[in-house]
Amino acid sequence: MSVITSISVPFTYLLTLYFVTSWQSAKDVESAVNSRIADYQAYIEEIAEFYEESGQHINADQDIHTVFECIESIIVNPIPRKN
């Protein structure tokens, strides 16, 4: 079984998901989101290193069909894991 461990998404897209949707909860208020984003950005290098060592990367800042094909190829043709 192959595992996708990392997907790159444009930062502005993430903000749009949080602030434009109508399903916001209390934890999605702007101050809470900004706090979580700041925490994420503070540890981005460590997070990236962890996921680079354990799996594959998909750049989601592409056409939706290209992203789907990347995900599909990882599932259909998994890279052997290190033991």
Protein backbone atom coordinates (compact mmCIF):
# COMPACT_ATOMS: atom_id res chain seq x y z
CA MET A 1 0.00 0.00 0.00
CA SER A 2 1.35 3.41 -0.97
CA VAL A 3 0.96 6.45 1.24
CA ILE A 4 0.86 10.05 0.08
CA THR A 5 2.63 12.04 2.75
CA SER A 6 2.86 15.50 1.27
CA ILE A 7 0.82 17.71 -1.02
CA SER A 8 1.84 21.28 -1.86
CA VAL A 9 -1.09 23.69 -1.94
CA PRO A 10 -0.86 27.42 -2.59
CA PHE A 11 -1.10 29.38 0.66
CA THR A 12 -3.79 31.68 -0.78
CA TYR A 13 -5.93 28.65 -1.55
CA LEU A 14 -5.76 27.53 2.07
CA LEU A 15 -6.84 30.99 3.23
CA THR A 16 -9.75 30.89 0.79
CA LEU A 17 -10.88 27.57 2.24
CA TYR A 18 -10.91 29.03 5.75
CA PHE A 19 -12.41 32.45 5.14
CA VAL A 20 -14.79 32.08 2.20
CA THR A 21 -16.70 28.96 3.18
CA SER A 22 -20.02 29.12 4.96
CA TRP A 23 -19.30 26.13 7.25
CA GLN A 24 -17.00 27.96 9.64
CA SER A 25 -16.89 26.84 13.23
CA ALA A 26 -15.59 28.73 16.25
CA LYS A 27 -12.10 27.31 15.71
CA ASP A 28 -12.10 28.81 12.21
CA VAL A 29 -12.28 32.45 13.24
CA GLU A 30 -9.52 34.54 11.69
CA SER A 31 -7.42 34.85 14.85
CA ALA A 32 -7.45 31.08 15.46
CA VAL A 33 -6.56 30.34 11.84
CA ASN A 34 -3.75 32.89 11.88
CA SER A 35 -2.38 31.26 15.04
CA ARG A 36 -2.44 27.78 13.48
CA ILE A 37 -0.83 29.08 10.28
CA ALA A 38 1.91 30.80 12.31
CA ASP A 39 2.56 27.52 14.18
CA TYR A 40 2.72 25.64 10.88
CA GLN A 41 5.10 28.16 9.32
CA ALA A 42 7.36 28.09 12.39
CA TYR A 43 7.93 24.35 11.87
CA ILE A 44 7.61 24.08 8.07
CA GLU A 45 11.21 22.94 7.53
CA GLU A 46 10.98 20.18 10.14
CA ILE A 47 7.60 19.09 8.80
CA ALA A 48 8.90 19.01 5.22
CA GLU A 49 11.98 16.96 6.24
CA PHE A 50 9.82 14.44 8.08
CA TYR A 51 7.51 13.88 5.13
CA GLU A 52 10.29 13.86 2.53
CA GLU A 53 11.96 10.98 4.37
CA SER A 54 8.78 8.95 4.66
CA GLY A 55 7.05 9.19 1.32
CA GLN A 56 6.23 11.00 -1.85
CA HIS A 57 5.47 14.60 -2.72
CA ILE A 58 2.71 16.00 -4.92
CA ASN A 59 2.67 19.58 -6.13
CA ALA A 60 -1.02 20.50 -5.93
CA ASP A 61 -0.42 23.90 -7.51
CA GLN A 62 -1.24 22.43 -10.92
CA ASP A 63 -4.23 21.58 -13.06
CA ILE A 64 -6.68 19.33 -11.18
CA HIS A 65 -6.27 16.53 -13.71
CA THR A 66 -2.48 16.60 -13.34
CA VAL A 67 -2.77 16.37 -9.55
CA PHE A 68 -5.24 13.48 -9.86
CA GLU A 69 -2.90 11.64 -12.25
CA CYS A 70 0.00 12.07 -9.81
CA ILE A 71 -2.06 10.65 -6.94
CA GLU A 72 -3.35 7.83 -9.12
CA SER A 73 0.16 6.88 -10.28
CA ILE A 74 1.35 6.70 -6.66
CA ILE A 75 -1.53 4.40 -5.76
CA VAL A 76 -1.24 2.19 -8.85
CA ASN A 77 2.59 2.04 -8.99
CA PRO A 78 3.82 2.42 -5.40
CA ILE A 79 7.51 2.96 -4.72
CA PRO A 80 8.92 0.19 -2.49
CA ARG A 81 9.37 1.26 1.13
CA LYS A 82 12.65 1.16 2.99
CA ASN A 83 12.82 -1.50 5.70
